[in-house]
């Protein structure tokens, strides 16, 4: 079995091809040809936790293993560490190992794009990015590469981190700048992306009527990046209804009408006369799609 390091994993997962791989996985999920087992959580020493996420389709199986140790930061160690193993579903032969952190970052950004496309959105020139961490970097790169975003404004708790990300994107040919507040930028943006761990809403309510809002940071019921009044104005799309019902605090706190929420696999696009909210919480099928693409690119 070949194992890809972080740089090799990134090179094997170009964003455009990754978006296409995810759209194809939505179809396999809809047809019942791909499935994932519930995530398994195992407590570890030092208040750590290990997460096991398996999925399979007719040809391949994947297992992502992630460990989280909050105390690692004080020791100069990564808080989150992960790896992904792709297997032949017919015989269990191990085919490829990949860096789990890189795969997760890239497939999450590609998933935001694929979900927005399922909602009927096709692009946007101006983007507001709230956050400046790993996921913010991935989303900035993905939206510039796939949707051609050329005007980017970054807002984060750390102005220095926001400026560092803006500088990174300027080196890629994007007109990028750090902004002290998000309100004015949100009112002009085609796309607003929130990638924070905030428990309180960070997306301003002043949005264009055709805005695309993407929220990926809140992963518990007590967390919300998008205010309830914005959620209620939007046509809402999620990567998985089961996961969103349990983890999407943005939607839970807004008491969203779940009968109107569409999962990516069976979504129908909506008109551009109201905002769209794309909310993702993660699913092992998306790791399977990415791992398959990486394996194909090694052949």
C-alpha atoms as a PDB file:
ATOM      1  CA  UNK A   1       0.000   0.000   0.000  1.00  0.00           C
ATOM      2  CA  UNK A   2       1.351   3.409  -0.931  1.00  0.00           C
ATOM      3  CA  UNK A   3       1.033   6.203   1.626  1.00  0.00           C
ATOM      4  CA  UNK A   4       0.818   9.847   0.536  1.00  0.00           C
ATOM      5  CA  UNK A   5       2.268  12.589   2.708  1.00  0.00           C
ATOM      6  CA  UNK A   6       0.519  15.939   3.144  1.00  0.00           C
ATOM      7  CA  UNK A   7       1.909  17.524  -0.023  1.00  0.00           C
ATOM      8  CA  UNK A   8       1.237  14.405  -2.089  1.00  0.00           C
ATOM      9  CA  UNK A   9      -2.321  14.180  -0.748  1.00  0.00           C
ATOM     10  CA  UNK A  10      -2.981  17.801  -1.727  1.00  0.00           C
ATOM     11  CA  UNK A  11      -1.554  17.254  -5.213  1.00  0.00           C
ATOM     12  CA  UNK A  12      -3.793  14.199  -5.706  1.00  0.00           C
ATOM     13  CA  UNK A  13      -6.941  16.203  -4.881  1.00  0.00           C
ATOM     14  CA  UNK A  14      -7.293  19.158  -7.292  1.00  0.00           C
ATOM     15  CA  UNK A  15     -10.370  21.141  -6.358  1.00  0.00           C
ATOM     16  CA  UNK A  16     -12.195  21.015  -9.689  1.00  0.00           C
ATOM     17  CA  UNK A  17     -11.911  17.241  -9.982  1.00  0.00           C
ATOM     18  CA  UNK A  18     -12.808  16.875  -6.306  1.00  0.00           C
ATOM     19  CA  UNK A  19     -16.041  18.820  -6.791  1.00  0.00           C
ATOM     20  CA  UNK A  20     -16.946  16.500  -9.685  1.00  0.00           C
ATOM     21  CA  UNK A  21     -16.131  13.427  -7.553  1.00  0.00           C
ATOM     22  CA  UNK A  22     -18.452  14.664  -4.803  1.00  0.00           C
ATOM     23  CA  UNK A  23     -21.286  15.368  -7.244  1.00  0.00           C
ATOM     24  CA  UNK A  24     -20.917  11.801  -8.522  1.00  0.00           C
ATOM     25  CA  UNK A  25     -20.976  10.483  -4.942  1.00  0.00           C
ATOM     26  CA  UNK A  26     -24.243  12.352  -4.296  1.00  0.00           C
ATOM     27  CA  UNK A  27     -25.749  10.369  -7.161  1.00  0.00           C
ATOM     28  CA  UNK A  28     -24.421   7.056  -5.866  1.00  0.00           C
ATOM     29  CA  UNK A  29     -25.833   7.891  -2.439  1.00  0.00           C
ATOM     30  CA  UNK A  30     -29.206   8.762  -3.984  1.00  0.00           C
ATOM     31  CA  UNK A  31     -29.293   5.433  -5.844  1.00  0.00           C
ATOM     32  CA  UNK A  32     -28.406   3.494  -2.703  1.00  0.00           C
ATOM     33  CA  UNK A  33     -25.033   2.419  -4.088  1.00  0.00           C
ATOM     34  CA  UNK A  34     -22.959   4.009  -1.308  1.00  0.00           C
ATOM     35  CA  UNK A  35     -23.416   4.021   2.438  1.00  0.00           C
ATOM     36  CA  UNK A  36     -21.646   5.037   5.630  1.00  0.00           C
ATOM     37  CA  UNK A  37     -21.885   3.678   9.152  1.00  0.00           C
ATOM     38  CA  UNK A  38     -22.451   6.034  12.106  1.00  0.00           C
ATOM     39  CA  UNK A  39     -19.324   7.684  13.446  1.00  0.00           C
ATOM     40  CA  UNK A  40     -17.721   5.817  16.365  1.00  0.00           C
ATOM     41  CA  UNK A  41     -16.284   7.860  19.225  1.00  0.00           C
ATOM     42  CA  UNK A  42     -13.722   6.285  21.584  1.00  0.00           C
ATOM     43  CA  UNK A  43     -12.463   8.174  24.668  1.00  0.00           C
ATOM     44  CA  UNK A  44      -8.674   8.320  25.004  1.00  0.00           C
ATOM     45  CA  UNK A  45      -6.203   9.259  27.723  1.00  0.00           C
ATOM     46  CA  UNK A  46      -5.494  12.926  28.502  1.00  0.00           C
ATOM     47  CA  UNK A  47      -9.092  13.874  27.665  1.00  0.00           C
ATOM     48  CA  UNK A  48      -8.560  12.843  24.078  1.00  0.00           C
ATOM     49  CA  UNK A  49     -10.983  11.226  21.695  1.00  0.00           C
ATOM     50  CA  UNK A  50     -10.635   8.945  18.684  1.00  0.00           C
ATOM     51  CA  UNK A  51     -13.197   9.122  15.873  1.00  0.00           C
ATOM     52  CA  UNK A  52     -13.678   6.279  13.375  1.00  0.00           C
ATOM     53  CA  UNK A  53     -15.595   7.015  10.155  1.00  0.00           C
ATOM     54  CA  UNK A  54     -16.162   4.159   7.655  1.00  0.00           C
ATOM     55  CA  UNK A  55     -17.940   4.198   4.283  1.00  0.00           C
ATOM     56  CA  UNK A  56     -18.205   1.998   1.210  1.00  0.00           C
ATOM     57  CA  UNK A  57     -19.674   1.796  -2.260  1.00  0.00           C
ATOM     58  CA  UNK A  58     -19.720  -1.089  -4.748  1.00  0.00           C
ATOM     59  CA  UNK A  59     -15.981  -0.888  -5.489  1.00  0.00           C
ATOM     60  CA  UNK A  60     -14.177   0.748  -2.587  1.00  0.00           C
ATOM     61  CA  UNK A  61     -14.235   1.108   1.197  1.00  0.00           C
ATOM     62  CA  UNK A  62     -12.636   3.813   3.299  1.00  0.00           C
ATOM     63  CA  UNK A  63     -11.841   4.338   6.954  1.00  0.00           C
ATOM     64  CA  UNK A  64     -10.874   7.717   8.367  1.00  0.00           C
ATOM     65  CA  UNK A  65      -9.304   7.744  11.815  1.00  0.00           C
ATOM     66  CA  UNK A  66      -9.026  11.039  13.682  1.00  0.00           C
ATOM     67  CA  UNK A  67      -7.647  11.761  17.144  1.00  0.00           C
ATOM     68  CA  UNK A  68      -8.275  15.008  19.011  1.00  0.00           C
ATOM     69  CA  UNK A  69      -6.225  16.060  22.047  1.00  0.00           C
ATOM     70  CA  UNK A  70      -6.869  19.648  23.095  1.00  0.00           C
ATOM     71  CA  UNK A  71      -3.867  19.572  25.442  1.00  0.00           C
ATOM     72  CA  UNK A  72      -1.469  18.956  22.573  1.00  0.00           C
ATOM     73  CA  UNK A  73      -1.356  22.664  21.739  1.00  0.00           C
ATOM     74  CA  UNK A  74       0.537  23.432  24.954  1.00  0.00           C
ATOM     75  CA  UNK A  75       3.114  20.802  23.986  1.00  0.00           C
ATOM     76  CA  UNK A  76       3.593  22.065  20.461  1.00  0.00           C
ATOM     77  CA  UNK A  77       1.822  19.024  19.012  1.00  0.00           C
ATOM     78  CA  UNK A  78      -1.107  18.951  16.555  1.00  0.00           C
ATOM     79  CA  UNK A  79      -4.485  18.998  18.282  1.00  0.00           C
ATOM     80  CA  UNK A  80      -6.118  17.058  15.437  1.00  0.00           C
ATOM     81  CA  UNK A  81      -4.353  14.195  13.670  1.00  0.00           C
ATOM     82  CA  UNK A  82      -5.886  11.959  11.045  1.00  0.00           C
ATOM     83  CA  UNK A  83      -5.294   9.432   8.327  1.00  0.00           C
ATOM     84  CA  UNK A  84      -7.452   7.847   5.650  1.00  0.00           C
ATOM     85  CA  UNK A  85      -7.136   4.312   4.268  1.00  0.00           C
ATOM     86  CA  UNK A  86      -8.743   3.253   0.982  1.00  0.00           C
ATOM     87  CA  UNK A  87      -9.506  -0.447   0.447  1.00  0.00           C
ATOM     88  CA  UNK A  88     -10.816  -2.699  -2.290  1.00  0.00           C
ATOM     89  CA  UNK A  89     -14.383  -3.481  -1.227  1.00  0.00           C
ATOM     90  CA  UNK A  90     -14.270  -6.923  -2.889  1.00  0.00           C
ATOM     91  CA  UNK A  91     -11.270  -8.325  -1.026  1.00  0.00           C
ATOM     92  CA  UNK A  92     -10.193  -5.811   1.634  1.00  0.00           C
ATOM     93  CA  UNK A  93      -6.838  -5.170  -0.016  1.00  0.00           C
ATOM     94  CA  UNK A  94      -5.371  -1.896   1.257  1.00  0.00           C
ATOM     95  CA  UNK A  95      -4.836   0.392  -1.699  1.00  0.00           C
ATOM     96  CA  UNK A  96      -3.806   3.836  -0.492  1.00  0.00           C
ATOM     97  CA  UNK A  97      -3.106   5.771   2.683  1.00  0.00           C
ATOM     98  CA  UNK A  98      -3.537   9.549   2.806  1.00  0.00           C
ATOM     99  CA  UNK A  99      -3.007  12.474   5.150  1.00  0.00           C
ATOM    100  CA  UNK A 100      -6.377  12.840   6.869  1.00  0.00           C
ATOM    101  CA  UNK A 101      -6.033  16.507   7.796  1.00  0.00           C
ATOM    102  CA  UNK A 102      -5.250  17.584   4.246  1.00  0.00           C
ATOM    103  CA  UNK A 103      -7.929  15.360   2.718  1.00  0.00           C
ATOM    104  CA  UNK A 104     -10.546  16.706   5.150  1.00  0.00           C
ATOM    105  CA  UNK A 105      -9.657  20.343   4.494  1.00  0.00           C
ATOM    106  CA  UNK A 106      -9.764  19.984   0.728  1.00  0.00           C
ATOM    107  CA  UNK A 107     -12.890  17.840   0.510  1.00  0.00           C
ATOM    108  CA  UNK A 108     -14.745  20.174   2.898  1.00  0.00           C
ATOM    109  CA  UNK A 109     -14.029  23.186   0.690  1.00  0.00           C
ATOM    110  CA  UNK A 110     -14.986  21.204  -2.416  1.00  0.00           C
ATOM    111  CA  UNK A 111     -18.138  20.026  -0.624  1.00  0.00           C
ATOM    112  CA  UNK A 112     -19.184  23.650  -0.055  1.00  0.00           C
ATOM    113  CA  UNK A 113     -18.851  24.270  -3.779  1.00  0.00           C
ATOM    114  CA  UNK A 114     -20.681  21.071  -4.727  1.00  0.00           C
ATOM    115  CA  UNK A 115     -23.517  21.862  -2.316  1.00  0.00           C
ATOM    116  CA  UNK A 116     -23.888  25.388  -3.670  1.00  0.00           C
ATOM    117  CA  UNK A 117     -24.033  23.943  -7.187  1.00  0.00           C
ATOM    118  CA  UNK A 118     -26.783  21.537  -6.141  1.00  0.00           C
ATOM    119  CA  UNK A 119     -28.666  24.583  -4.873  1.00  0.00           C
ATOM    120  CA  UNK A 120     -28.403  26.114  -8.344  1.00  0.00           C
ATOM    121  CA  UNK A 121     -25.574  28.574  -7.727  1.00  0.00           C
ATOM    122  CA  UNK A 122     -22.917  28.746 -10.430  1.00  0.00           C
ATOM    123  CA  UNK A 123     -20.357  31.255  -9.266  1.00  0.00           C
ATOM    124  CA  UNK A 124     -19.595  34.636  -7.767  1.00  0.00           C
ATOM    125  CA  UNK A 125     -16.938  37.307  -8.131  1.00  0.00           C
ATOM    126  CA  UNK A 126     -16.956  38.791  -4.608  1.00  0.00           C
ATOM    127  CA  UNK A 127     -16.448  36.728  -1.456  1.00  0.00           C
ATOM    128  CA  UNK A 128     -16.391  37.461   2.261  1.00  0.00           C
ATOM    129  CA  UNK A 129     -14.507  34.891   4.299  1.00  0.00           C
ATOM    130  CA  UNK A 130     -15.017  34.873   8.067  1.00  0.00           C
ATOM    131  CA  UNK A 131     -12.148  33.020   9.714  1.00  0.00           C
ATOM    132  CA  UNK A 132      -8.493  32.568   8.828  1.00  0.00           C
ATOM    133  CA  UNK A 133      -7.645  28.995   9.813  1.00  0.00           C
ATOM    134  CA  UNK A 134      -7.079  25.816   7.823  1.00  0.00           C
ATOM    135  CA  UNK A 135     -10.612  25.672   6.443  1.00  0.00           C
ATOM    136  CA  UNK A 136     -10.546  29.358   5.539  1.00  0.00           C
ATOM    137  CA  UNK A 137      -7.379  28.805   3.511  1.00  0.00           C
ATOM    138  CA  UNK A 138      -8.898  25.808   1.734  1.00  0.00           C
ATOM    139  CA  UNK A 139     -12.121  27.654   0.917  1.00  0.00           C
ATOM    140  CA  UNK A 140     -10.274  30.722  -0.356  1.00  0.00           C
ATOM    141  CA  UNK A 141      -8.174  28.585  -2.695  1.00  0.00           C
ATOM    142  CA  UNK A 142     -11.072  26.388  -3.823  1.00  0.00           C
ATOM    143  CA  UNK A 143     -13.465  29.234  -4.630  1.00  0.00           C
ATOM    144  CA  UNK A 144     -10.765  31.163  -6.488  1.00  0.00           C
ATOM    145  CA  UNK A 145      -9.796  28.078  -8.486  1.00  0.00           C
ATOM    146  CA  UNK A 146     -13.252  26.669  -9.284  1.00  0.00           C
ATOM    147  CA  UNK A 147     -15.607  29.671  -9.203  1.00  0.00           C
ATOM    148  CA  UNK A 148     -13.131  32.314 -10.256  1.00  0.00           C
ATOM    149  CA  UNK A 149     -13.557  34.525  -7.174  1.00  0.00           C
ATOM    150  CA  UNK A 150     -11.334  37.543  -7.785  1.00  0.00           C
ATOM    151  CA  UNK A 151     -12.317  39.890  -4.940  1.00  0.00           C
ATOM    152  CA  UNK A 152     -11.851  38.479  -1.441  1.00  0.00           C
ATOM    153  CA  UNK A 153     -12.270  40.152   1.926  1.00  0.00           C
ATOM    154  CA  UNK A 154     -11.169  38.306   5.060  1.00  0.00           C
ATOM    155  CA  UNK A 155     -12.388  38.984   8.593  1.00  0.00           C
ATOM    156  CA  UNK A 156     -11.022  37.095  11.610  1.00  0.00           C
ATOM    157  CA  UNK A 157     -10.502  37.555  15.325  1.00  0.00           C
ATOM    158  CA  UNK A 158      -6.794  38.007  14.596  1.00  0.00           C
ATOM    159  CA  UNK A 159      -6.182  40.829  12.125  1.00  0.00           C
ATOM    160  CA  UNK A 160      -2.684  39.450  11.584  1.00  0.00           C
ATOM    161  CA  UNK A 161      -4.049  36.048  10.564  1.00  0.00           C
ATOM    162  CA  UNK A 162      -6.601  37.675   8.277  1.00  0.00           C
ATOM    163  CA  UNK A 163      -3.871  39.732   6.599  1.00  0.00           C
ATOM    164  CA  UNK A 164      -1.652  36.650   6.222  1.00  0.00           C
ATOM    165  CA  UNK A 165      -4.444  34.823   4.401  1.00  0.00           C
ATOM    166  CA  UNK A 166      -5.165  37.870   2.229  1.00  0.00           C
ATOM    167  CA  UNK A 167      -1.481  38.084   1.343  1.00  0.00           C
ATOM    168  CA  UNK A 168      -1.457  34.369   0.455  1.00  0.00           C
ATOM    169  CA  UNK A 169      -4.378  34.888  -1.910  1.00  0.00           C
ATOM    170  CA  UNK A 170      -2.871  38.038  -3.449  1.00  0.00           C
ATOM    171  CA  UNK A 171       0.095  35.867  -4.405  1.00  0.00           C
ATOM    172  CA  UNK A 172      -2.428  33.711  -6.289  1.00  0.00           C
ATOM    173  CA  UNK A 173      -3.754  36.640  -8.282  1.00  0.00           C
ATOM    174  CA  UNK A 174      -6.793  37.459  -6.138  1.00  0.00           C
ATOM    175  CA  UNK A 175      -7.628  41.001  -5.053  1.00  0.00           C
ATOM    176  CA  UNK A 176      -7.668  40.164  -1.342  1.00  0.00           C
ATOM    177  CA  UNK A 177      -7.695  42.302   1.783  1.00  0.00           C
ATOM    178  CA  UNK A 178      -8.250  41.966   5.520  1.00  0.00           C
ATOM    179  CA  UNK A 179     -11.198  43.883   6.983  1.00  0.00           C
ATOM    180  CA  UNK A 180     -11.786  44.869  10.590  1.00  0.00           C
ATOM    181  CA  UNK A 181     -15.540  44.226  10.408  1.00  0.00           C
ATOM    182  CA  UNK A 182     -17.663  41.977   8.177  1.00  0.00           C
ATOM    183  CA  UNK A 183     -20.887  44.014   7.825  1.00  0.00           C
ATOM    184  CA  UNK A 184     -20.034  46.216   4.854  1.00  0.00           C
ATOM    185  CA  UNK A 185     -18.310  43.353   3.046  1.00  0.00           C
ATOM    186  CA  UNK A 186     -21.299  41.034   3.573  1.00  0.00           C
ATOM    187  CA  UNK A 187     -23.672  43.552   1.997  1.00  0.00           C
ATOM    188  CA  UNK A 188     -21.650  43.437  -1.253  1.00  0.00           C
ATOM    189  CA  UNK A 189     -20.569  39.783  -1.350  1.00  0.00           C
ATOM    190  CA  UNK A 190     -21.923  37.174  -3.744  1.00  0.00           C
ATOM    191  CA  UNK A 191     -20.625  34.487  -1.375  1.00  0.00           C
ATOM    192  CA  UNK A 192     -20.210  34.608   2.414  1.00  0.00           C
ATOM    193  CA  UNK A 193     -18.271  31.736   3.971  1.00  0.00           C
ATOM    194  CA  UNK A 194     -17.983  31.197   7.738  1.00  0.00           C
ATOM    195  CA  UNK A 195     -15.277  28.818   8.997  1.00  0.00           C
ATOM    196  CA  UNK A 196     -15.126  29.621  12.721  1.00  0.00           C
ATOM    197  CA  UNK A 197     -15.682  27.744  15.971  1.00  0.00           C
ATOM    198  CA  UNK A 198     -17.871  30.523  17.319  1.00  0.00           C
ATOM    199  CA  UNK A 199     -20.801  29.736  19.567  1.00  0.00           C
ATOM    200  CA  UNK A 200     -22.396  33.068  18.608  1.00  0.00           C
ATOM    201  CA  UNK A 201     -23.426  34.167  15.101  1.00  0.00           C
ATOM    202  CA  UNK A 202     -20.705  35.832  13.040  1.00  0.00           C
ATOM    203  CA  UNK A 203     -22.511  36.234   9.688  1.00  0.00           C
ATOM    204  CA  UNK A 204     -24.072  39.720   9.407  1.00  0.00           C
ATOM    205  CA  UNK A 205     -27.784  39.860   8.549  1.00  0.00           C
ATOM    206  CA  UNK A 206     -27.135  42.497   5.865  1.00  0.00           C
ATOM    207  CA  UNK A 207     -26.905  40.226   2.829  1.00  0.00           C
ATOM    208  CA  UNK A 208     -27.666  40.537  -0.858  1.00  0.00           C
ATOM    209  CA  UNK A 209     -31.017  38.959  -1.797  1.00  0.00           C
ATOM    210  CA  UNK A 210     -29.180  36.477  -4.043  1.00  0.00           C
ATOM    211  CA  UNK A 211     -26.303  35.762  -1.637  1.00  0.00           C
ATOM    212  CA  UNK A 212     -24.864  32.297  -1.096  1.00  0.00           C
ATOM    213  CA  UNK A 213     -24.023  31.692   2.575  1.00  0.00           C
ATOM    214  CA  UNK A 214     -21.830  28.742   3.486  1.00  0.00           C
ATOM    215  CA  UNK A 215     -21.379  27.712   7.121  1.00  0.00           C
ATOM    216  CA  UNK A 216     -19.044  24.911   8.128  1.00  0.00           C
ATOM    217  CA  UNK A 217     -17.692  25.800  11.553  1.00  0.00           C
ATOM    218  CA  UNK A 218     -20.528  25.116  14.013  1.00  0.00           C
ATOM    219  CA  UNK A 219     -20.596  21.387  14.792  1.00  0.00           C
ATOM    220  CA  UNK A 220     -22.661  21.248  17.990  1.00  0.00           C
ATOM    221  CA  UNK A 221     -26.225  22.199  18.840  1.00  0.00           C
ATOM    222  CA  UNK A 222     -24.965  25.033  21.074  1.00  0.00           C
ATOM    223  CA  UNK A 223     -22.871  26.607  18.290  1.00  0.00           C
ATOM    224  CA  UNK A 224     -24.121  28.900  15.519  1.00  0.00           C
ATOM    225  CA  UNK A 225     -22.312  31.007  12.927  1.00  0.00           C
ATOM    226  CA  UNK A 226     -25.490  32.141  11.152  1.00  0.00           C
ATOM    227  CA  UNK A 227     -28.145  34.151  13.049  1.00  0.00           C
ATOM    228  CA  UNK A 228     -31.653  32.641  13.174  1.00  0.00           C
ATOM    229  CA  UNK A 229     -33.200  35.503  11.182  1.00  0.00           C
ATOM    230  CA  UNK A 230     -30.808  34.800   8.309  1.00  0.00           C
ATOM    231  CA  UNK A 231     -31.454  31.041   8.430  1.00  0.00           C
ATOM    232  CA  UNK A 232     -35.205  31.668   8.143  1.00  0.00           C
ATOM    233  CA  UNK A 233     -34.725  33.906   5.085  1.00  0.00           C
ATOM    234  CA  UNK A 234     -32.673  31.315   3.237  1.00  0.00           C
ATOM    235  CA  UNK A 235     -33.372  28.237   1.186  1.00  0.00           C
ATOM    236  CA  UNK A 236     -31.410  25.703   3.246  1.00  0.00           C
ATOM    237  CA  UNK A 237     -29.270  22.852   1.898  1.00  0.00           C
ATOM    238  CA  UNK A 238     -27.284  20.338   3.964  1.00  0.00           C
ATOM    239  CA  UNK A 239     -24.835  17.551   3.162  1.00  0.00           C
ATOM    240  CA  UNK A 240     -26.731  15.083   5.351  1.00  0.00           C
ATOM    241  CA  UNK A 241     -30.080  15.538   7.056  1.00  0.00           C
ATOM    242  CA  UNK A 242     -29.292  13.067   9.834  1.00  0.00           C
ATOM    243  CA  UNK A 243     -26.049  14.832  10.707  1.00  0.00           C
ATOM    244  CA  UNK A 244     -27.563  18.302  10.448  1.00  0.00           C
ATOM    245  CA  UNK A 245     -30.450  17.424  12.760  1.00  0.00           C
ATOM    246  CA  UNK A 246     -27.946  16.343  15.415  1.00  0.00           C
ATOM    247  CA  UNK A 247     -25.085  18.802  14.940  1.00  0.00           C
ATOM    248  CA  UNK A 248     -26.066  21.908  12.949  1.00  0.00           C
ATOM    249  CA  UNK A 249     -26.574  24.442  15.717  1.00  0.00           C
ATOM    250  CA  UNK A 250     -27.259  27.182  13.164  1.00  0.00           C
ATOM    251  CA  UNK A 251     -30.389  25.330  12.038  1.00  0.00           C
ATOM    252  CA  UNK A 252     -31.387  23.887  15.404  1.00  0.00           C
ATOM    253  CA  UNK A 253     -31.317  27.267  17.137  1.00  0.00           C
ATOM    254  CA  UNK A 254     -33.344  28.811  14.300  1.00  0.00           C
ATOM    255  CA  UNK A 255     -36.000  26.107  14.786  1.00  0.00           C
ATOM    256  CA  UNK A 256     -35.764  25.487  11.062  1.00  0.00           C
ATOM    257  CA  UNK A 257     -38.597  23.807   9.175  1.00  0.00           C
ATOM    258  CA  UNK A 258     -36.850  20.512   8.469  1.00  0.00           C
ATOM    259  CA  UNK A 259     -39.426  19.537   5.858  1.00  0.00           C
ATOM    260  CA  UNK A 260     -38.102  22.388   3.708  1.00  0.00           C
ATOM    261  CA  UNK A 261     -34.405  21.548   4.183  1.00  0.00           C
ATOM    262  CA  UNK A 262     -32.848  19.733   1.210  1.00  0.00           C
ATOM    263  CA  UNK A 263     -29.985  17.241   1.368  1.00  0.00           C
ATOM    264  CA  UNK A 264     -27.446  17.516  -1.431  1.00  0.00           C
ATOM    265  CA  UNK A 265     -28.129  14.034  -2.819  1.00  0.00           C
ATOM    266  CA  UNK A 266     -31.725  14.772  -3.773  1.00  0.00           C
ATOM    267  CA  UNK A 267     -31.685  18.569  -3.963  1.00  0.00           C
ATOM    268  CA  UNK A 268     -33.538  20.669  -6.478  1.00  0.00           C
ATOM    269  CA  UNK A 269     -32.105  24.077  -7.355  1.00  0.00           C
ATOM    270  CA  UNK A 270     -33.901  27.257  -6.314  1.00  0.00           C
ATOM    271  CA  UNK A 271     -34.299  30.632  -7.996  1.00  0.00           C
ATOM    272  CA  UNK A 272     -31.819  33.412  -7.292  1.00  0.00           C
ATOM    273  CA  UNK A 273     -34.451  35.649  -5.658  1.00  0.00           C
ATOM    274  CA  UNK A 274     -33.600  34.621  -2.088  1.00  0.00           C
ATOM    275  CA  UNK A 275     -30.402  33.780  -0.215  1.00  0.00           C
ATOM    276  CA  UNK A 276     -29.170  30.202  -0.101  1.00  0.00           C
ATOM    277  CA  UNK A 277     -27.621  28.667   3.020  1.00  0.00           C
ATOM    278  CA  UNK A 278     -25.314  25.690   2.527  1.00  0.00           C
ATOM    279  CA  UNK A 279     -24.585  23.957   5.829  1.00  0.00           C
ATOM    280  CA  UNK A 280     -22.203  20.986   6.079  1.00  0.00           C
ATOM    281  CA  UNK A 281     -21.350  18.832   9.073  1.00  0.00           C
ATOM    282  CA  UNK A 282     -19.272  16.119   7.382  1.00  0.00           C
ATOM    283  CA  UNK A 283     -19.856  12.519   6.337  1.00  0.00           C
ATOM    284  CA  UNK A 284     -17.612   9.554   5.564  1.00  0.00           C
ATOM    285  CA  UNK A 285     -19.008   9.317   2.020  1.00  0.00           C
ATOM    286  CA  UNK A 286     -17.230  12.575   1.202  1.00  0.00           C
ATOM    287  CA  UNK A 287     -13.966  11.049   2.427  1.00  0.00           C
ATOM    288  CA  UNK A 288     -14.669   8.031   0.218  1.00  0.00           C
ATOM    289  CA  UNK A 289     -15.157  10.263  -2.831  1.00  0.00           C
ATOM    290  CA  UNK A 290     -11.889  12.090  -2.138  1.00  0.00           C
ATOM    291  CA  UNK A 291      -9.929   8.899  -1.487  1.00  0.00           C
ATOM    292  CA  UNK A 292     -11.172   7.367  -4.738  1.00  0.00           C
ATOM    293  CA  UNK A 293     -10.054  10.441  -6.653  1.00  0.00           C
ATOM    294  CA  UNK A 294      -6.609  10.364  -5.026  1.00  0.00           C
ATOM    295  CA  UNK A 295      -6.248   6.679  -5.932  1.00  0.00           C
ATOM    296  CA  UNK A 296      -7.295   7.329  -9.528  1.00  0.00           C
ATOM    297  CA  UNK A 297      -4.709  10.099  -9.770  1.00  0.00           C
ATOM    298  CA  UNK A 298      -1.968   7.682  -8.650  1.00  0.00           C
ATOM    299  CA  UNK A 299      -2.665   5.228 -11.489  1.00  0.00           C
END
